[in-house]
């Protein structure tokens, strides 16, 4: 009875040993297979990593090479000439740029810029124009800039005796049916240092004995710091942090601040502050309305003003620069009230006027006939 049991036990052990060796062999083959696959995958990943690394190094090298090449005067000049030629052809004006310096990644600096008109005249010149770009899509007529800076820009605009402006090609470009009527430009920050502006209308008298001549303007020492500028559908808007300039008529703006918008019918300023050597004006809002910019040549009769003045100091000398008949009335007075009308026909409600130490007037004032004092009725 014991012999068959021993025989079966031996067979069982043999089967167990055989199964163990078979399992071990399978497990070994599986580990070897997995090891081979892992090594193969690691080799592939290593190759991919090398390719990616070399791609990144190559792209970086190309960028560095492009930057280095752009520093070479010959490369700059050739690239600049090609771009300027295309832009000149597009706008119909001759443009010259001395040098170009890239601002890494997002901008450019133009040196010694000059724009010539069709009559061999200079429209614009500037020592430096720096531009940083946020978004540029000419197909949809949208340009967004983070910063624009101009150093010593000079602008000359004139109307010849035949009534043609020297910037007519540029105006035709914006009014052309070939361009999108709603061309949008936005700039986060704008700065102008030591600018000059000149405007002449040779159809009008170029000499003026006294005061501002809107047919012969010459502005110098122009400084501007502004933000949130936009140009959209013929309207311009900006928040001016600080503006100052001098005009040949002795008009001097020491400080101007406010939120402004301008179009072909309106100039409006909110939170308006204006300082001259003789006046200090403050207003919640000021607006000038007109039929066209040519109305400024007859400012007293044609430009309507509306303003809500806070307590301000006004010099008649500053007003006389726009209404010369007042030049011999050297009065300074304090003013507060709501003004509406033209210089020649206006009313002021909620008016508080102070002159000297004790003279005051409170009420409503209307006047017709200024600047001719003798024929003015109050």
Protein backbone atom coordinates (compact mmCIF):
# COMPACT_ATOMS: atom_id res chain seq x y z
CA UNK A 1 0.00 0.00 0.00
CA UNK A 2 2.89 2.40 0.83
CA UNK A 3 4.72 1.84 -2.49
CA UNK A 4 2.05 3.33 -4.74
CA UNK A 5 1.75 6.37 -2.41
CA UNK A 6 5.51 6.97 -2.58
CA UNK A 7 5.42 6.67 -6.34
CA UNK A 8 2.62 9.21 -6.58
CA UNK A 9 4.46 11.57 -4.26
CA UNK A 10 7.53 11.40 -6.41
CA UNK A 11 5.50 12.14 -9.50
CA UNK A 12 3.85 15.08 -7.73
CA UNK A 13 7.20 16.52 -6.71
CA UNK A 14 8.54 16.06 -10.21
CA UNK A 15 5.51 17.91 -11.62
CA UNK A 16 5.96 20.73 -9.10
CA UNK A 17 9.65 21.05 -9.95
CA UNK A 18 8.85 21.04 -13.65
CA UNK A 19 6.20 23.75 -13.19
CA UNK A 20 8.64 25.82 -11.12
CA UNK A 21 11.31 25.67 -13.79
CA UNK A 22 8.82 26.44 -16.52
CA UNK A 23 7.47 29.45 -14.53
CA UNK A 24 11.03 30.63 -13.80
CA UNK A 25 11.93 30.33 -17.45
CA UNK A 26 8.81 32.30 -18.51
CA UNK A 27 9.47 34.93 -15.84
CA UNK A 28 13.10 35.24 -16.95
CA UNK A 29 12.08 35.60 -20.59
CA UNK A 30 9.46 38.19 -19.63
CA UNK A 31 11.97 40.21 -17.60
CA UNK A 32 14.46 39.98 -20.43
CA UNK A 33 11.79 41.11 -22.92
CA UNK A 34 10.72 44.01 -20.72
CA UNK A 35 14.34 44.99 -20.13
CA UNK A 36 14.97 45.00 -23.87
CA UNK A 37 11.85 47.05 -24.54
CA UNK A 38 12.70 49.55 -21.80
CA UNK A 39 16.24 49.96 -23.10
CA UNK A 40 14.85 50.43 -26.61
CA UNK A 41 12.34 53.03 -25.36
CA UNK A 42 15.05 54.80 -23.42
CA UNK A 43 17.20 54.90 -26.54
CA UNK A 44 14.28 56.38 -28.50
CA UNK A 45 13.57 58.93 -25.75
CA UNK A 46 17.25 59.77 -25.64
CA UNK A 47 17.25 60.39 -29.40
CA UNK A 48 14.07 62.48 -29.13
CA UNK A 49 15.58 64.49 -26.28
CA UNK A 50 18.71 65.10 -28.37
CA UNK A 51 16.61 66.20 -31.34
CA UNK A 52 14.53 68.57 -29.18
CA UNK A 53 17.65 69.93 -27.51
CA UNK A 54 19.35 70.59 -30.83
CA UNK A 55 16.17 72.11 -32.21
CA UNK A 56 15.96 74.52 -29.26
CA UNK A 57 19.67 75.33 -29.53
CA UNK A 58 19.32 75.89 -33.28
CA UNK A 59 16.32 78.18 -32.87
CA UNK A 60 18.10 80.14 -30.14
CA UNK A 61 21.20 80.33 -32.31
CA UNK A 62 19.09 81.61 -35.23
CA UNK A 63 17.53 84.28 -33.00
CA UNK A 64 20.93 85.32 -31.69
CA UNK A 65 22.31 85.32 -35.22
CA UNK A 66 19.38 87.44 -36.43
CA UNK A 67 19.93 89.90 -33.59
CA UNK A 68 23.66 90.03 -34.30
CA UNK A 69 23.06 90.49 -38.02
CA UNK A 70 20.61 93.29 -37.32
CA UNK A 71 23.39 95.10 -35.47
CA UNK A 72 25.53 95.12 -38.61
CA UNK A 73 25.08 98.48 -40.36
CA UNK A 74 25.05 96.97 -43.85
CA UNK A 75 22.31 94.47 -42.93
CA UNK A 76 20.31 97.16 -41.14
CA UNK A 77 20.53 99.50 -44.08
CA UNK A 78 19.49 96.87 -46.63
CA UNK A 79 16.54 95.67 -44.54
CA UNK A 80 15.52 99.23 -43.70
CA UNK A 81 15.66 100.32 -47.34
CA UNK A 82 13.37 97.46 -48.41
CA UNK A 83 10.80 98.12 -45.68
CA UNK A 84 10.90 101.89 -46.14
CA UNK A 85 10.48 101.56 -49.91
CA UNK A 86 7.34 99.45 -49.41
CA UNK A 87 5.87 101.84 -46.83
CA UNK A 88 6.74 104.89 -48.95
CA UNK A 89 4.96 103.37 -51.94
CA UNK A 90 1.92 102.55 -49.80
CA UNK A 91 1.49 106.00 -48.20
CA UNK A 92 2.58 108.03 -51.25
CA UNK A 93 5.31 109.89 -49.34
CA UNK A 94 9.07 109.57 -49.35
CA UNK A 95 10.40 108.15 -46.08
CA UNK A 96 14.02 108.04 -44.96
CA UNK A 97 15.37 106.17 -41.92
CA UNK A 98 19.00 106.46 -40.84
CA UNK A 99 19.31 103.39 -38.62
CA UNK A 100 17.13 100.70 -37.11
CA UNK A 101 17.69 99.04 -33.74
CA UNK A 102 15.47 96.12 -32.67
CA UNK A 103 14.07 96.03 -29.14
CA UNK A 104 14.36 92.34 -28.25
CA UNK A 105 11.12 90.46 -28.94
CA UNK A 106 8.58 93.26 -29.19
CA UNK A 107 9.76 96.56 -30.64
CA UNK A 108 12.01 98.71 -32.75
CA UNK A 109 13.87 102.03 -32.58
CA UNK A 110 14.14 104.21 -35.68
CA UNK A 111 16.95 106.76 -35.83
CA UNK A 112 17.05 109.93 -37.92
CA UNK A 113 13.57 109.59 -39.43
CA UNK A 114 12.48 111.97 -42.18
CA UNK A 115 9.25 112.06 -44.22
CA UNK A 116 9.10 114.17 -47.40
CA UNK A 117 6.00 115.33 -49.24
CA UNK A 118 5.27 115.41 -52.94
CA UNK A 119 6.41 119.03 -53.20
CA UNK A 120 9.96 118.25 -51.98
CA UNK A 121 9.03 119.55 -48.55
CA UNK A 122 9.69 117.94 -45.17
CA UNK A 123 6.59 116.82 -43.29
CA UNK A 124 8.19 115.04 -40.34
CA UNK A 125 11.64 114.57 -38.88
CA UNK A 126 12.68 112.97 -35.59
CA UNK A 127 15.90 111.95 -33.90
CA UNK A 128 14.37 108.80 -32.39
CA UNK A 129 11.07 106.98 -32.75
CA UNK A 130 10.70 103.95 -30.47
CA UNK A 131 7.73 101.60 -30.83
CA UNK A 132 6.80 98.54 -28.76
CA UNK A 133 4.15 96.34 -30.34
CA UNK A 134 1.37 94.41 -28.61
CA UNK A 135 -0.67 93.37 -31.63
CA UNK A 136 -0.46 94.10 -35.33
CA UNK A 137 -3.09 92.95 -37.81
CA UNK A 138 -3.17 95.08 -40.94
CA UNK A 139 -5.68 92.76 -42.60
CA UNK A 140 -8.29 93.73 -40.01
CA UNK A 141 -6.97 97.32 -39.74
CA UNK A 142 -6.04 96.94 -36.07
CA UNK A 143 -2.81 98.07 -34.41
CA UNK A 144 -2.14 97.86 -30.67
CA UNK A 145 1.09 99.33 -29.30
CA UNK A 146 2.35 99.24 -25.74
CA UNK A 147 4.59 102.29 -26.06
CA UNK A 148 5.47 105.03 -28.55
CA UNK A 149 8.25 107.49 -27.80
CA UNK A 150 9.41 110.39 -30.01
CA UNK A 151 12.53 112.47 -29.36
CA UNK A 152 12.78 115.91 -30.98
CA UNK A 153 10.02 115.36 -33.55
CA UNK A 154 9.34 118.25 -35.91
CA UNK A 155 6.15 118.44 -37.97
CA UNK A 156 5.50 120.89 -40.81
CA UNK A 157 2.02 121.08 -42.36
CA UNK A 158 0.89 123.69 -44.85
CA UNK A 159 -1.88 124.52 -47.28
CA UNK A 160 -0.61 126.09 -50.51
CA UNK A 161 -2.28 128.96 -52.36
CA UNK A 162 -4.30 126.46 -54.40
CA UNK A 163 -5.76 124.90 -51.22
CA UNK A 164 -3.75 121.66 -51.35
CA UNK A 165 -2.26 120.29 -48.14
CA UNK A 166 1.21 118.79 -48.18
CA UNK A 167 -0.14 115.75 -46.29
CA UNK A 168 -2.92 115.21 -48.86
CA UNK A 169 -1.62 111.73 -49.92
CA UNK A 170 -1.81 110.58 -46.30
CA UNK A 171 -5.32 111.97 -45.87
CA UNK A 172 -6.42 110.32 -49.12
CA UNK A 173 -5.02 107.02 -47.85
CA UNK A 174 -7.23 107.08 -44.76
CA UNK A 175 -10.25 108.30 -46.73
CA UNK A 176 -9.71 105.89 -49.62
CA UNK A 177 -12.29 103.22 -50.38
CA UNK A 178 -9.36 100.79 -50.78
CA UNK A 179 -8.67 100.97 -47.04
CA UNK A 180 -10.91 100.02 -44.18
CA UNK A 181 -12.80 103.07 -43.00
CA UNK A 182 -12.63 101.97 -39.38
CA UNK A 183 -8.86 101.77 -38.91
CA UNK A 184 -8.21 101.26 -35.20
CA UNK A 185 -5.00 102.24 -33.42
CA UNK A 186 -4.48 101.90 -29.67
CA UNK A 187 -1.41 102.92 -27.68
CA UNK A 188 -0.94 102.29 -23.96
CA UNK A 189 1.72 104.97 -23.39
CA UNK A 190 2.93 107.92 -25.51
CA UNK A 191 5.77 110.31 -24.80
CA UNK A 192 7.08 113.25 -26.85
CA UNK A 193 10.23 115.13 -25.86
CA UNK A 194 11.12 118.57 -27.19
CA UNK A 195 8.77 118.51 -30.19
CA UNK A 196 7.99 121.24 -32.69
CA UNK A 197 4.92 121.82 -34.82
CA UNK A 198 4.32 124.28 -37.64
CA UNK A 199 1.15 124.97 -39.62
CA UNK A 200 0.74 127.53 -42.42
CA UNK A 201 -2.25 128.30 -44.59
CA UNK A 202 -0.83 130.41 -47.39
CA UNK A 203 -4.31 131.38 -48.52
CA UNK A 204 -4.62 133.51 -45.39
CA UNK A 205 -2.66 136.38 -43.87
CA UNK A 206 0.56 134.99 -42.39
CA UNK A 207 1.22 137.99 -40.14
CA UNK A 208 -0.61 138.93 -36.98
CA UNK A 209 0.22 141.98 -34.93
CA UNK A 210 -0.92 140.31 -31.71
CA UNK A 211 -2.33 136.97 -30.60
CA UNK A 212 -2.58 133.49 -32.01
CA UNK A 213 -2.83 133.28 -35.78
CA UNK A 214 -4.39 129.93 -36.65
CA UNK A 215 -3.15 130.36 -40.23
CA UNK A 216 0.45 130.59 -39.01
CA UNK A 217 1.12 128.41 -35.98
CA UNK A 218 4.58 127.68 -34.64
CA UNK A 219 4.75 125.52 -31.52
CA UNK A 220 8.02 124.65 -29.81
CA UNK A 221 9.30 122.98 -26.64
CA UNK A 222 6.45 120.52 -26.83
CA UNK A 223 6.43 117.79 -24.18
CA UNK A 224 3.74 115.15 -23.79
CA UNK A 225 3.12 112.22 -21.48
CA UNK A 226 -0.15 110.39 -22.14
CA UNK A 227 -1.78 106.97 -21.94
CA UNK A 228 -4.75 105.06 -23.38
CA UNK A 229 -4.55 106.74 -26.78
CA UNK A 230 -6.98 105.50 -29.43
CA UNK A 231 -7.83 106.36 -33.01
CA UNK A 232 -11.12 104.90 -34.14
CA UNK A 233 -13.41 105.95 -36.98
CA UNK A 234 -12.08 109.50 -37.22
CA UNK A 235 -12.08 110.16 -33.48
CA UNK A 236 -8.98 110.52 -31.32
CA UNK A 237 -8.93 110.03 -27.54
CA UNK A 238 -6.23 110.09 -24.88
CA UNK A 239 -5.68 110.57 -21.18
CA UNK A 240 -3.06 113.32 -20.97
CA UNK A 241 -0.93 113.15 -17.84
CA UNK A 242 1.19 116.17 -18.70
CA UNK A 243 1.47 118.47 -21.71
CA UNK A 244 3.43 121.70 -22.14
CA UNK A 245 4.44 123.90 -25.07
CA UNK A 246 5.12 127.43 -26.30
CA UNK A 247 3.60 129.20 -29.32
CA UNK A 248 5.20 132.10 -31.18
CA UNK A 249 2.34 134.44 -30.15
CA UNK A 250 3.54 134.30 -26.51
CA UNK A 251 0.95 131.67 -25.61
CA UNK A 252 2.58 129.31 -23.13
CA UNK A 253 1.04 126.19 -21.65
CA UNK A 254 2.98 125.18 -18.57
CA UNK A 255 0.78 122.24 -17.60
CA UNK A 256 -2.23 120.55 -19.16
CA UNK A 257 -3.97 117.50 -17.77
CA UNK A 258 -7.23 115.70 -18.54
CA UNK A 259 -9.08 113.07 -20.53
CA UNK A 260 -9.62 114.30 -24.09
CA UNK A 261 -11.31 113.28 -27.28
CA UNK A 262 -11.19 115.07 -30.62
CA UNK A 263 -13.07 114.67 -33.89
CA UNK A 264 -13.93 116.93 -36.82
CA UNK A 265 -16.76 118.57 -34.84
CA UNK A 266 -15.72 118.47 -31.18
CA UNK A 267 -12.88 118.84 -28.71
CA UNK A 268 -13.84 117.67 -25.22
CA UNK A 269 -11.82 117.48 -22.02
CA UNK A 270 -12.85 115.99 -18.68
CA UNK A 271 -11.09 116.58 -15.34
CA UNK A 272 -9.48 119.50 -17.14
CA UNK A 273 -6.53 121.39 -15.60
CA UNK A 274 -4.61 124.12 -17.43
CA UNK A 275 -1.80 126.32 -16.14
CA UNK A 276 -0.20 129.25 -17.97
CA UNK A 277 2.16 131.83 -16.45
CA UNK A 278 -0.89 134.03 -15.68
CA UNK A 279 -3.91 131.68 -15.42
CA UNK A 280 -4.88 128.53 -13.56
CA UNK A 281 -8.01 126.85 -14.89
CA UNK A 282 -9.81 123.84 -13.48
CA UNK A 283 -13.04 122.35 -14.86
CA UNK A 284 -15.10 119.23 -14.56
CA UNK A 285 -15.45 119.26 -18.32
CA UNK A 286 -14.75 121.62 -21.22
CA UNK A 287 -15.94 121.24 -24.80
CA UNK A 288 -15.42 123.18 -28.03
CA UNK A 289 -17.82 122.57 -30.90
CA UNK A 290 -17.41 123.79 -34.47
CA UNK A 291 -18.41 122.98 -38.05
CA UNK A 292 -14.81 122.44 -39.22
CA UNK A 293 -11.28 123.19 -38.04
CA UNK A 294 -11.24 126.25 -40.28
CA UNK A 295 -13.65 127.86 -37.79
CA UNK A 296 -10.68 128.44 -35.47
CA UNK A 297 -9.52 131.23 -37.81
CA UNK A 298 -12.64 133.13 -36.61
CA UNK A 299 -12.53 131.73 -33.09
CA UNK A 300 -14.55 134.45 -31.31
CA UNK A 301 -17.61 134.05 -33.54
CA UNK A 302 -17.48 130.44 -34.76
CA UNK A 303 -16.28 128.17 -31.93
CA UNK A 304 -18.88 127.40 -29.26
CA UNK A 305 -17.61 126.64 -25.77
CA UNK A 306 -19.27 124.89 -22.85
CA UNK A 307 -17.48 124.51 -19.53
CA UNK A 308 -18.22 123.80 -15.89
CA UNK A 309 -15.43 125.74 -14.20
CA UNK A 310 -14.25 125.01 -10.69
CA UNK A 311 -12.61 127.82 -8.75
CA UNK A 312 -10.07 129.21 -11.23
CA UNK A 313 -7.82 132.20 -11.85
CA UNK A 314 -8.14 133.79 -15.29
CA UNK A 315 -5.99 136.46 -16.93
CA UNK A 316 -7.56 138.55 -19.67
CA UNK A 317 -4.10 138.65 -21.25
CA UNK A 318 -4.37 134.92 -22.03
CA UNK A 319 -7.87 135.44 -23.44
CA UNK A 320 -6.59 138.39 -25.50
CA UNK A 321 -4.24 136.04 -27.35
CA UNK A 322 -7.43 134.67 -28.96
CA UNK A 323 -9.39 137.95 -28.80
CA UNK A 324 -6.78 140.70 -29.46
CA UNK A 325 -9.21 143.54 -28.66
CA UNK A 326 -8.82 142.62 -24.98
CA UNK A 327 -5.05 143.06 -24.94
CA UNK A 328 -5.22 146.47 -23.26
CA UNK A 329 -7.31 145.19 -20.34
CA UNK A 330 -4.72 143.72 -17.94
CA UNK A 331 -7.17 142.27 -15.42
CA UNK A 332 -6.80 139.00 -13.53
CA UNK A 333 -9.84 137.61 -11.73
CA UNK A 334 -11.15 134.48 -10.06
CA UNK A 335 -13.93 132.58 -11.78
CA UNK A 336 -16.39 129.82 -11.01
CA UNK A 337 -19.51 128.93 -12.98
CA UNK A 338 -21.05 127.30 -16.03
CA UNK A 339 -20.03 128.92 -19.34
CA UNK A 340 -21.88 128.42 -22.61
CA UNK A 341 -21.58 130.19 -25.97
CA UNK A 342 -18.92 131.86 -28.12
CA UNK A 343 -16.58 134.65 -27.07
CA UNK A 344 -18.82 137.11 -28.92
CA UNK A 345 -22.10 135.78 -27.49
CA UNK A 346 -22.10 133.84 -24.22
CA UNK A 347 -23.80 133.34 -20.88
CA UNK A 348 -22.44 132.20 -17.53
CA UNK A 349 -24.77 130.79 -14.88
CA UNK A 350 -24.02 130.15 -11.20
CA UNK A 351 -21.27 132.70 -11.69
CA UNK A 352 -18.83 133.75 -8.98
CA UNK A 353 -16.32 136.40 -10.04
CA UNK A 354 -13.75 137.91 -7.74
CA UNK A 355 -11.42 140.82 -8.48
CA UNK A 356 -8.81 142.21 -6.14
CA UNK A 357 -9.33 141.69 -2.43
CA UNK A 358 -13.00 142.50 -2.01
CA UNK A 359 -14.77 142.95 -5.37
CA UNK A 360 -17.16 140.11 -6.13
CA UNK A 361 -20.06 139.35 -8.43
CA UNK A 362 -22.49 136.48 -7.94
CA UNK A 363 -25.26 135.73 -10.40
CA UNK A 364 -25.79 135.22 -14.13
CA UNK A 365 -23.88 137.04 -16.84
CA UNK A 366 -24.65 137.38 -20.55
CA UNK A 367 -22.59 139.29 -23.07
CA UNK A 368 -22.91 140.05 -26.79
CA UNK A 369 -20.47 141.89 -28.98
CA UNK A 370 -17.04 140.88 -27.66
CA UNK A 371 -14.25 141.43 -28.36
CA UNK A 372 -15.41 144.95 -29.38
CA UNK A 373 -15.80 146.40 -25.89
CA UNK A 374 -17.48 149.65 -27.00
CA UNK A 375 -20.30 147.82 -28.73
CA UNK A 376 -20.66 144.98 -26.23
CA UNK A 377 -23.92 144.70 -24.29
CA UNK A 378 -24.10 142.90 -20.91
